[in-house]
Amino acid sequence: MKRLSLIVIAVIAAPALFPTTLHAKRVGRATRFLNASAQRKSRKMPAPAPPPASAAPMPGASFGDKSGGGIGRVEVVWKRRKFRRGDRVRVTSWAGTIKPDESGHAAELNADAGRTGAILRGEKRQATTYFKPDPNEPIQILRIRWDKQTWTENGSGKSVTLDAFESTIHADYLKVTKIAKPR
Protein backbone atom coordinates (compact mmCIF):
# COMPACT_ATOMS: atom_id res chain seq x y z
CA MET A 1 0.00 0.00 0.00
CA LYS A 2 2.89 2.37 0.77
CA ARG A 3 4.36 1.88 -2.71
CA LEU A 4 0.96 2.40 -4.34
CA SER A 5 0.40 5.61 -2.34
CA LEU A 6 3.72 6.97 -3.55
CA ILE A 7 2.77 6.24 -7.15
CA VAL A 8 -0.60 7.96 -6.72
CA ILE A 9 1.06 10.99 -5.09
CA ALA A 10 3.62 11.17 -7.90
CA VAL A 11 0.88 11.15 -10.54
CA ILE A 12 -1.15 13.84 -8.74
CA ALA A 13 1.81 16.02 -7.78
CA ALA A 14 3.54 16.15 -11.16
CA PRO A 15 1.25 18.12 -13.50
CA ALA A 16 4.21 19.66 -15.31
CA LEU A 17 5.17 16.23 -16.62
CA PHE A 18 1.83 15.54 -18.29
CA PRO A 19 -0.35 17.44 -20.76
CA THR A 20 -3.34 19.03 -19.00
CA THR A 21 -6.01 16.59 -20.20
CA LEU A 22 -3.85 13.57 -19.49
CA HIS A 23 -3.06 14.88 -16.03
CA ALA A 24 -6.77 15.51 -15.32
CA LYS A 25 -7.62 11.94 -16.35
CA ARG A 26 -4.90 10.53 -14.11
CA VAL A 27 -6.00 12.66 -11.17
CA GLY A 28 -9.57 11.49 -11.74
CA ARG A 29 -8.49 7.84 -11.79
CA ALA A 30 -6.33 8.31 -8.70
CA THR A 31 -9.18 10.04 -6.86
CA ARG A 32 -11.65 7.27 -7.75
CA PHE A 33 -9.10 4.66 -6.64
CA LEU A 34 -8.50 6.39 -3.30
CA ASN A 35 -12.24 6.82 -2.68
CA ALA A 36 -12.87 3.14 -3.44
CA SER A 37 -9.96 2.16 -1.21
CA ALA A 38 -11.32 4.29 1.63
CA GLN A 39 -14.75 2.70 1.25
CA ARG A 40 -13.22 -0.78 1.42
CA LYS A 41 -11.32 0.21 4.56
CA SER A 42 -14.40 1.73 6.19
CA ARG A 43 -16.25 -1.58 5.84
CA LYS A 44 -13.48 -3.36 7.76
CA MET A 45 -12.87 -0.70 10.41
CA PRO A 46 -15.17 0.59 13.16
CA ALA A 47 -17.09 3.81 12.59
CA PRO A 48 -14.96 6.96 12.75
CA ALA A 49 -14.96 9.14 15.85
CA PRO A 50 -17.19 12.21 15.78
CA PRO A 51 -15.57 15.32 14.30
CA PRO A 52 -13.63 17.54 16.72
CA ALA A 53 -15.43 20.43 18.40
CA SER A 54 -13.52 22.86 16.18
CA ALA A 55 -15.36 21.49 13.12
CA ALA A 56 -18.79 21.98 14.69
CA PRO A 57 -20.80 25.11 14.02
CA MET A 58 -21.34 27.66 16.75
CA PRO A 59 -24.67 27.46 18.58
CA GLY A 60 -27.44 28.93 16.47
CA ALA A 61 -25.75 28.26 13.13
CA SER A 62 -27.95 26.32 10.77
CA PHE A 63 -26.66 24.64 7.64
CA GLY A 64 -30.01 24.13 5.97
CA ASP A 65 -31.68 27.41 6.96
CA LYS A 66 -32.30 29.49 3.84
CA SER A 67 -33.48 32.60 5.69
CA GLY A 68 -31.23 35.64 6.10
CA GLY A 69 -30.73 35.02 9.84
CA GLY A 70 -27.38 34.05 11.31
CA ILE A 71 -25.32 36.51 9.26
CA GLY A 72 -21.75 36.57 10.54
CA ARG A 73 -21.94 33.40 12.65
CA VAL A 74 -19.37 30.70 11.89
CA GLU A 75 -21.08 28.05 9.77
CA VAL A 76 -18.24 26.07 8.25
CA VAL A 77 -14.74 25.39 9.54
CA TRP A 78 -12.54 23.78 6.91
CA LYS A 79 -8.78 23.31 7.38
CA ARG A 80 -8.81 25.84 10.25
CA ARG A 81 -10.43 28.48 8.06
CA LYS A 82 -13.79 29.89 9.12
CA PHE A 83 -16.58 30.69 6.69
CA ARG A 84 -19.62 32.70 7.76
CA ARG A 85 -22.96 33.39 6.11
CA GLY A 86 -22.62 36.75 4.38
CA ASP A 87 -18.80 36.66 4.05
CA ARG A 88 -17.54 38.06 0.75
CA VAL A 89 -15.33 35.51 -1.05
CA ARG A 90 -13.09 35.29 -4.11
CA VAL A 91 -12.11 32.16 -6.05
CA THR A 92 -8.33 31.66 -5.72
CA SER A 93 -7.72 29.15 -8.54
CA TRP A 94 -9.64 27.25 -11.21
CA ALA A 95 -12.27 25.21 -9.36
CA GLY A 96 -13.94 23.27 -12.15
CA THR A 97 -17.11 24.26 -13.97
CA ILE A 98 -20.52 25.58 -13.03
CA LYS A 99 -23.27 23.58 -14.68
CA PRO A 100 -26.08 25.15 -16.74
CA ASP A 101 -28.77 24.08 -14.24
CA GLU A 102 -27.07 26.26 -11.58
CA SER A 103 -26.14 29.30 -13.68
CA GLY A 104 -29.09 29.40 -16.07
CA HIS A 105 -26.65 29.82 -18.97
CA ALA A 106 -26.71 27.35 -21.88
CA ALA A 107 -23.03 26.31 -21.53
CA GLU A 108 -20.84 25.27 -18.60
CA LEU A 109 -18.87 28.15 -17.08
CA ASN A 110 -15.31 28.08 -15.80
CA ALA A 111 -15.13 28.79 -12.07
CA ASP A 112 -11.73 30.41 -12.44
CA ALA A 113 -9.70 32.72 -10.22
CA GLY A 114 -11.08 36.14 -9.44
CA ARG A 115 -14.82 35.32 -9.38
CA THR A 116 -16.56 36.99 -6.41
CA GLY A 117 -19.69 36.39 -4.38
CA ALA A 118 -21.17 36.00 -0.91
CA ILE A 119 -21.60 32.85 1.20
CA LEU A 120 -25.20 31.73 1.70
CA ARG A 121 -24.62 28.49 3.65
CA GLY A 122 -22.65 25.25 3.92
CA GLU A 123 -23.90 22.02 2.35
CA LYS A 124 -23.04 18.33 2.60
CA ARG A 125 -21.27 16.75 -0.38
CA GLN A 126 -23.62 14.88 -2.71
CA ALA A 127 -23.19 11.21 -3.54
CA THR A 128 -22.41 10.28 -7.15
CA THR A 129 -22.17 6.99 -9.01
CA TYR A 130 -18.48 6.66 -8.05
CA PHE A 131 -18.35 8.49 -4.71
CA LYS A 132 -20.33 8.17 -1.49
CA PRO A 133 -19.41 10.75 1.18
CA ASP A 134 -18.99 9.76 4.81
CA PRO A 135 -22.11 11.01 6.62
CA ASN A 136 -19.92 12.20 9.52
CA GLU A 137 -17.49 14.24 7.45
CA PRO A 138 -17.38 17.98 8.11
CA ILE A 139 -19.16 20.30 5.71
CA GLN A 140 -16.77 21.51 3.01
CA ILE A 141 -19.07 22.69 0.23
CA LEU A 142 -20.36 26.27 0.27
CA ARG A 143 -23.34 27.70 -1.57
CA ILE A 144 -22.34 31.05 -3.04
CA ARG A 145 -24.46 33.87 -4.44
CA TRP A 146 -22.20 35.01 -7.29
CA ASP A 147 -22.14 38.70 -8.18
CA LYS A 148 -23.11 39.96 -11.62
CA GLN A 149 -19.84 39.51 -13.53
CA THR A 150 -18.21 38.24 -16.70
CA TRP A 151 -17.67 34.48 -16.94
CA THR A 152 -15.82 32.35 -19.48
CA GLU A 153 -17.63 29.49 -21.21
CA ASN A 154 -15.87 26.16 -20.80
CA GLY A 155 -14.67 24.87 -24.16
CA SER A 156 -15.42 27.86 -26.38
CA GLY A 157 -13.60 30.44 -24.23
CA LYS A 158 -16.33 32.98 -25.03
CA SER A 159 -16.91 35.69 -22.39
CA VAL A 160 -20.47 36.18 -21.13
CA THR A 161 -21.83 38.62 -18.54
CA LEU A 162 -24.42 37.03 -16.24
CA ASP A 163 -26.63 38.43 -13.51
CA ALA A 164 -26.24 37.09 -9.98
CA PHE A 165 -26.95 33.37 -9.47
CA GLU A 166 -26.26 30.64 -6.88
CA SER A 167 -24.04 27.58 -7.11
CA THR A 168 -21.81 25.45 -4.91
CA ILE A 169 -18.03 25.33 -4.67
CA HIS A 170 -15.51 23.56 -2.45
CA ALA A 171 -14.05 25.62 0.42
CA ASP A 172 -10.48 24.86 -0.75
CA TYR A 173 -10.92 27.24 -3.70
CA LEU A 174 -12.21 30.24 -1.72
CA LYS A 175 -10.61 33.10 0.15
CA VAL A 176 -12.65 35.33 2.44
CA THR A 177 -12.14 38.94 1.36
CA LYS A 178 -14.54 40.61 3.78
CA ILE A 179 -15.94 39.08 6.96
CA ALA A 180 -19.66 39.58 7.58
CA LYS A 181 -20.57 41.47 10.73
CA PRO A 182 -22.76 39.44 13.14
CA ARG A 183 -26.38 40.56 13.39
C-alpha atoms as a PDB file:
ATOM      1  CA  MET A   1       0.000   0.000   0.000  1.00  0.00           C
ATOM      2  CA  LYS A   2       2.887   2.373   0.767  1.00  0.00           C
ATOM      3  CA  ARG A   3       4.355   1.879  -2.705  1.00  0.00           C
ATOM      4  CA  LEU A   4       0.965   2.398  -4.335  1.00  0.00           C
ATOM      5  CA  SER A   5       0.396   5.607  -2.337  1.00  0.00           C
ATOM      6  CA  LEU A   6       3.720   6.974  -3.545  1.00  0.00           C
ATOM      7  CA  ILE A   7       2.766   6.242  -7.147  1.00  0.00           C
ATOM      8  CA  VAL A   8      -0.604   7.961  -6.719  1.00  0.00           C
ATOM      9  CA  ILE A   9       1.063  10.988  -5.094  1.00  0.00           C
ATOM     10  CA  ALA A  10       3.623  11.169  -7.898  1.00  0.00           C
ATOM     11  CA  VAL A  11       0.877  11.149 -10.537  1.00  0.00           C
ATOM     12  CA  ILE A  12      -1.149  13.840  -8.742  1.00  0.00           C
ATOM     13  CA  ALA A  13       1.815  16.020  -7.780  1.00  0.00           C
ATOM     14  CA  ALA A  14       3.541  16.151 -11.159  1.00  0.00           C
ATOM     15  CA  PRO A  15       1.245  18.120 -13.497  1.00  0.00           C
ATOM     16  CA  ALA A  16       4.208  19.664 -15.312  1.00  0.00           C
ATOM     17  CA  LEU A  17       5.175  16.231 -16.617  1.00  0.00           C
ATOM     18  CA  PHE A  18       1.826  15.536 -18.290  1.00  0.00           C
ATOM     19  CA  PRO A  19      -0.347  17.441 -20.758  1.00  0.00           C
ATOM     20  CA  THR A  20      -3.343  19.033 -19.003  1.00  0.00           C
ATOM     21  CA  THR A  21      -6.005  16.586 -20.200  1.00  0.00           C
ATOM     22  CA  LEU A  22      -3.847  13.567 -19.495  1.00  0.00           C
ATOM     23  CA  HIS A  23      -3.061  14.883 -16.028  1.00  0.00           C
ATOM     24  CA  ALA A  24      -6.774  15.510 -15.320  1.00  0.00           C
ATOM     25  CA  LYS A  25      -7.616  11.941 -16.353  1.00  0.00           C
ATOM     26  CA  ARG A  26      -4.901  10.526 -14.108  1.00  0.00           C
ATOM     27  CA  VAL A  27      -5.996  12.664 -11.169  1.00  0.00           C
ATOM     28  CA  GLY A  28      -9.572  11.488 -11.739  1.00  0.00           C
ATOM     29  CA  ARG A  29      -8.495   7.842 -11.790  1.00  0.00           C
ATOM     30  CA  ALA A  30      -6.328   8.313  -8.697  1.00  0.00           C
ATOM     31  CA  THR A  31      -9.179  10.040  -6.857  1.00  0.00           C
ATOM     32  CA  ARG A  32     -11.646   7.274  -7.745  1.00  0.00           C
ATOM     33  CA  PHE A  33      -9.101   4.664  -6.635  1.00  0.00           C
ATOM     34  CA  LEU A  34      -8.495   6.391  -3.298  1.00  0.00           C
ATOM     35  CA  ASN A  35     -12.244   6.821  -2.680  1.00  0.00           C
ATOM     36  CA  ALA A  36     -12.871   3.142  -3.437  1.00  0.00           C
ATOM     37  CA  SER A  37      -9.957   2.162  -1.210  1.00  0.00           C
ATOM     38  CA  ALA A  38     -11.317   4.293   1.629  1.00  0.00           C
ATOM     39  CA  GLN A  39     -14.751   2.698   1.248  1.00  0.00           C
ATOM     40  CA  ARG A  40     -13.225  -0.783   1.422  1.00  0.00           C
ATOM     41  CA  LYS A  41     -11.316   0.209   4.559  1.00  0.00           C
ATOM     42  CA  SER A  42     -14.399   1.731   6.191  1.00  0.00           C
ATOM     43  CA  ARG A  43     -16.245  -1.580   5.844  1.00  0.00           C
ATOM     44  CA  LYS A  44     -13.481  -3.361   7.764  1.00  0.00           C
ATOM     45  CA  MET A  45     -12.872  -0.701  10.409  1.00  0.00           C
ATOM     46  CA  PRO A  46     -15.168   0.594  13.164  1.00  0.00           C
ATOM     47  CA  ALA A  47     -17.088   3.811  12.586  1.00  0.00           C
ATOM     48  CA  PRO A  48     -14.959   6.964  12.753  1.00  0.00           C
ATOM     49  CA  ALA A  49     -14.957   9.138  15.850  1.00  0.00           C
ATOM     50  CA  PRO A  50     -17.188  12.212  15.781  1.00  0.00           C
ATOM     51  CA  PRO A  51     -15.568  15.321  14.301  1.00  0.00           C
ATOM     52  CA  PRO A  52     -13.635  17.537  16.715  1.00  0.00           C
ATOM     53  CA  ALA A  53     -15.434  20.427  18.396  1.00  0.00           C
ATOM     54  CA  SER A  54     -13.524  22.857  16.181  1.00  0.00           C
ATOM     55  CA  ALA A  55     -15.359  21.489  13.123  1.00  0.00           C
ATOM     56  CA  ALA A  56     -18.788  21.984  14.686  1.00  0.00           C
ATOM     57  CA  PRO A  57     -20.797  25.111  14.022  1.00  0.00           C
ATOM     58  CA  MET A  58     -21.338  27.662  16.747  1.00  0.00           C
ATOM     59  CA  PRO A  59     -24.672  27.460  18.577  1.00  0.00           C
ATOM     60  CA  GLY A  60     -27.439  28.934  16.468  1.00  0.00           C
ATOM     61  CA  ALA A  61     -25.748  28.264  13.128  1.00  0.00           C
ATOM     62  CA  SER A  62     -27.953  26.320  10.766  1.00  0.00           C
ATOM     63  CA  PHE A  63     -26.665  24.637   7.642  1.00  0.00           C
ATOM     64  CA  GLY A  64     -30.006  24.134   5.968  1.00  0.00           C
ATOM     65  CA  ASP A  65     -31.679  27.407   6.959  1.00  0.00           C
ATOM     66  CA  LYS A  66     -32.303  29.494   3.838  1.00  0.00           C
ATOM     67  CA  SER A  67     -33.476  32.598   5.689  1.00  0.00           C
ATOM     68  CA  GLY A  68     -31.234  35.637   6.100  1.00  0.00           C
ATOM     69  CA  GLY A  69     -30.727  35.022   9.842  1.00  0.00           C
ATOM     70  CA  GLY A  70     -27.379  34.051  11.306  1.00  0.00           C
ATOM     71  CA  ILE A  71     -25.320  36.512   9.260  1.00  0.00           C
ATOM     72  CA  GLY A  72     -21.753  36.569  10.542  1.00  0.00           C
ATOM     73  CA  ARG A  73     -21.939  33.402  12.646  1.00  0.00           C
ATOM     74  CA  VAL A  74     -19.374  30.697  11.886  1.00  0.00           C
ATOM     75  CA  GLU A  75     -21.076  28.051   9.766  1.00  0.00           C
ATOM     76  CA  VAL A  76     -18.240  26.069   8.246  1.00  0.00           C
ATOM     77  CA  VAL A  77     -14.737  25.393   9.541  1.00  0.00           C
ATOM     78  CA  TRP A  78     -12.540  23.779   6.913  1.00  0.00           C
ATOM     79  CA  LYS A  79      -8.781  23.311   7.381  1.00  0.00           C
ATOM     80  CA  ARG A  80      -8.807  25.841  10.252  1.00  0.00           C
ATOM     81  CA  ARG A  81     -10.431  28.482   8.062  1.00  0.00           C
ATOM     82  CA  LYS A  82     -13.794  29.891   9.123  1.00  0.00           C
ATOM     83  CA  PHE A  83     -16.579  30.695   6.692  1.00  0.00           C
ATOM     84  CA  ARG A  84     -19.619  32.698   7.763  1.00  0.00           C
ATOM     85  CA  ARG A  85     -22.960  33.391   6.111  1.00  0.00           C
ATOM     86  CA  GLY A  86     -22.618  36.747   4.380  1.00  0.00           C
ATOM     87  CA  ASP A  87     -18.795  36.661   4.049  1.00  0.00           C
ATOM     88  CA  ARG A  88     -17.541  38.059   0.747  1.00  0.00           C
ATOM     89  CA  VAL A  89     -15.332  35.514  -1.052  1.00  0.00           C
ATOM     90  CA  ARG A  90     -13.089  35.285  -4.106  1.00  0.00           C
ATOM     91  CA  VAL A  91     -12.109  32.156  -6.054  1.00  0.00           C
ATOM     92  CA  THR A  92      -8.329  31.657  -5.717  1.00  0.00           C
ATOM     93  CA  SER A  93      -7.718  29.154  -8.541  1.00  0.00           C
ATOM     94  CA  TRP A  94      -9.640  27.252 -11.210  1.00  0.00           C
ATOM     95  CA  ALA A  95     -12.268  25.213  -9.361  1.00  0.00           C
ATOM     96  CA  GLY A  96     -13.945  23.266 -12.148  1.00  0.00           C
ATOM     97  CA  THR A  97     -17.109  24.258 -13.969  1.00  0.00           C
ATOM     98  CA  ILE A  98     -20.516  25.582 -13.031  1.00  0.00           C
ATOM     99  CA  LYS A  99     -23.266  23.579 -14.680  1.00  0.00           C
ATOM    100  CA  PRO A 100     -26.082  25.149 -16.738  1.00  0.00           C
ATOM    101  CA  ASP A 101     -28.771  24.085 -14.240  1.00  0.00           C
ATOM    102  CA  GLU A 102     -27.074  26.260 -11.584  1.00  0.00           C
ATOM    103  CA  SER A 103     -26.141  29.300 -13.684  1.00  0.00           C
ATOM    104  CA  GLY A 104     -29.095  29.396 -16.067  1.00  0.00           C
ATOM    105  CA  HIS A 105     -26.648  29.821 -18.968  1.00  0.00           C
ATOM    106  CA  ALA A 106     -26.707  27.352 -21.876  1.00  0.00           C
ATOM    107  CA  ALA A 107     -23.032  26.312 -21.534  1.00  0.00           C
ATOM    108  CA  GLU A 108     -20.838  25.275 -18.599  1.00  0.00           C
ATOM    109  CA  LEU A 109     -18.872  28.151 -17.085  1.00  0.00           C
ATOM    110  CA  ASN A 110     -15.306  28.077 -15.799  1.00  0.00           C
ATOM    111  CA  ALA A 111     -15.129  28.785 -12.074  1.00  0.00           C
ATOM    112  CA  ASP A 112     -11.732  30.415 -12.438  1.00  0.00           C
ATOM    113  CA  ALA A 113      -9.700  32.720 -10.220  1.00  0.00           C
ATOM    114  CA  GLY A 114     -11.080  36.141  -9.439  1.00  0.00           C
ATOM    115  CA  ARG A 115     -14.816  35.317  -9.380  1.00  0.00           C
ATOM    116  CA  THR A 116     -16.564  36.991  -6.409  1.00  0.00           C
ATOM    117  CA  GLY A 117     -19.694  36.387  -4.380  1.00  0.00           C
ATOM    118  CA  ALA A 118     -21.171  35.998  -0.908  1.00  0.00           C
ATOM    119  CA  ILE A 119     -21.603  32.846   1.195  1.00  0.00           C
ATOM    120  CA  LEU A 120     -25.202  31.733   1.698  1.00  0.00           C
ATOM    121  CA  ARG A 121     -24.616  28.491   3.649  1.00  0.00           C
ATOM    122  CA  GLY A 122     -22.651  25.254   3.915  1.00  0.00           C
ATOM    123  CA  GLU A 123     -23.903  22.024   2.354  1.00  0.00           C
ATOM    124  CA  LYS A 124     -23.040  18.328   2.600  1.00  0.00           C
ATOM    125  CA  ARG A 125     -21.270  16.747  -0.378  1.00  0.00           C
ATOM    126  CA  GLN A 126     -23.619  14.884  -2.705  1.00  0.00           C
ATOM    127  CA  ALA A 127     -23.189  11.210  -3.544  1.00  0.00           C
ATOM    128  CA  THR A 128     -22.414  10.282  -7.145  1.00  0.00           C
ATOM    129  CA  THR A 129     -22.169   6.989  -9.011  1.00  0.00           C
ATOM    130  CA  TYR A 130     -18.477   6.659  -8.049  1.00  0.00           C
ATOM    131  CA  PHE A 131     -18.353   8.488  -4.707  1.00  0.00           C
ATOM    132  CA  LYS A 132     -20.334   8.173  -1.492  1.00  0.00           C
ATOM    133  CA  PRO A 133     -19.407  10.745   1.178  1.00  0.00           C
ATOM    134  CA  ASP A 134     -18.990   9.757   4.812  1.00  0.00           C
ATOM    135  CA  PRO A 135     -22.113  11.007   6.624  1.00  0.00           C
ATOM    136  CA  ASN A 136     -19.925  12.201   9.523  1.00  0.00           C
ATOM    137  CA  GLU A 137     -17.488  14.244   7.447  1.00  0.00           C
ATOM    138  CA  PRO A 138     -17.377  17.978   8.108  1.00  0.00           C
ATOM    139  CA  ILE A 139     -19.155  20.298   5.715  1.00  0.00           C
ATOM    140  CA  GLN A 140     -16.765  21.511   3.012  1.00  0.00           C
ATOM    141  CA  ILE A 141     -19.075  22.692   0.228  1.00  0.00           C
ATOM    142  CA  LEU A 142     -20.357  26.266   0.265  1.00  0.00           C
ATOM    143  CA  ARG A 143     -23.343  27.699  -1.570  1.00  0.00           C
ATOM    144  CA  ILE A 144     -22.338  31.050  -3.043  1.00  0.00           C
ATOM    145  CA  ARG A 145     -24.462  33.870  -4.443  1.00  0.00           C
ATOM    146  CA  TRP A 146     -22.203  35.009  -7.294  1.00  0.00           C
ATOM    147  CA  ASP A 147     -22.136  38.696  -8.185  1.00  0.00           C
ATOM    148  CA  LYS A 148     -23.108  39.965 -11.622  1.00  0.00           C
ATOM    149  CA  GLN A 149     -19.844  39.511 -13.533  1.00  0.00           C
ATOM    150  CA  THR A 150     -18.215  38.240 -16.699  1.00  0.00           C
ATOM    151  CA  TRP A 151     -17.670  34.480 -16.937  1.00  0.00           C
ATOM    152  CA  THR A 152     -15.817  32.345 -19.484  1.00  0.00           C
ATOM    153  CA  GLU A 153     -17.626  29.489 -21.213  1.00  0.00           C
ATOM    154  CA  ASN A 154     -15.872  26.162 -20.799  1.00  0.00           C
ATOM    155  CA  GLY A 155     -14.673  24.867 -24.159  1.00  0.00           C
ATOM    156  CA  SER A 156     -15.422  27.865 -26.380  1.00  0.00           C
ATOM    157  CA  GLY A 157     -13.600  30.442 -24.231  1.00  0.00           C
ATOM    158  CA  LYS A 158     -16.330  32.979 -25.027  1.00  0.00           C
ATOM    159  CA  SER A 159     -16.910  35.694 -22.386  1.00  0.00           C
ATOM    160  CA  VAL A 160     -20.471  36.183 -21.131  1.00  0.00           C
ATOM    161  CA  THR A 161     -21.835  38.616 -18.543  1.00  0.00           C
ATOM    162  CA  LEU A 162     -24.422  37.034 -16.243  1.00  0.00           C
ATOM    163  CA  ASP A 163     -26.635  38.435 -13.512  1.00  0.00           C
ATOM    164  CA  ALA A 164     -26.244  37.089  -9.979  1.00  0.00           C
ATOM    165  CA  PHE A 165     -26.952  33.372  -9.469  1.00  0.00           C
ATOM    166  CA  GLU A 166     -26.263  30.644  -6.878  1.00  0.00           C
ATOM    167  CA  SER A 167     -24.042  27.576  -7.111  1.00  0.00           C
ATOM    168  CA  THR A 168     -21.812  25.449  -4.910  1.00  0.00           C
ATOM    169  CA  ILE A 169     -18.029  25.326  -4.673  1.00  0.00           C
ATOM    170  CA  HIS A 170     -15.505  23.555  -2.445  1.00  0.00           C
ATOM    171  CA  ALA A 171     -14.046  25.624   0.418  1.00  0.00           C
ATOM    172  CA  ASP A 172     -10.475  24.859  -0.751  1.00  0.00           C
ATOM    173  CA  TYR A 173     -10.918  27.242  -3.698  1.00  0.00           C
ATOM    174  CA  LEU A 174     -12.207  30.237  -1.725  1.00  0.00           C
ATOM    175  CA  LYS A 175     -10.606  33.099   0.151  1.00  0.00           C
ATOM    176  CA  VAL A 176     -12.654  35.328   2.437  1.00  0.00           C
ATOM    177  CA  THR A 177     -12.135  38.941   1.355  1.00  0.00           C
ATOM    178  CA  LYS A 178     -14.536  40.613   3.783  1.00  0.00           C
ATOM    179  CA  ILE A 179     -15.941  39.083   6.958  1.00  0.00           C
ATOM    180  CA  ALA A 180     -19.658  39.577   7.582  1.00  0.00           C
ATOM    181  CA  LYS A 181     -20.575  41.473  10.734  1.00  0.00           C
ATOM    182  CA  PRO A 182     -22.761  39.442  13.138  1.00  0.00           C
ATOM    183  CA  ARG A 183     -26.380  40.558  13.394  1.00  0.00           C
END
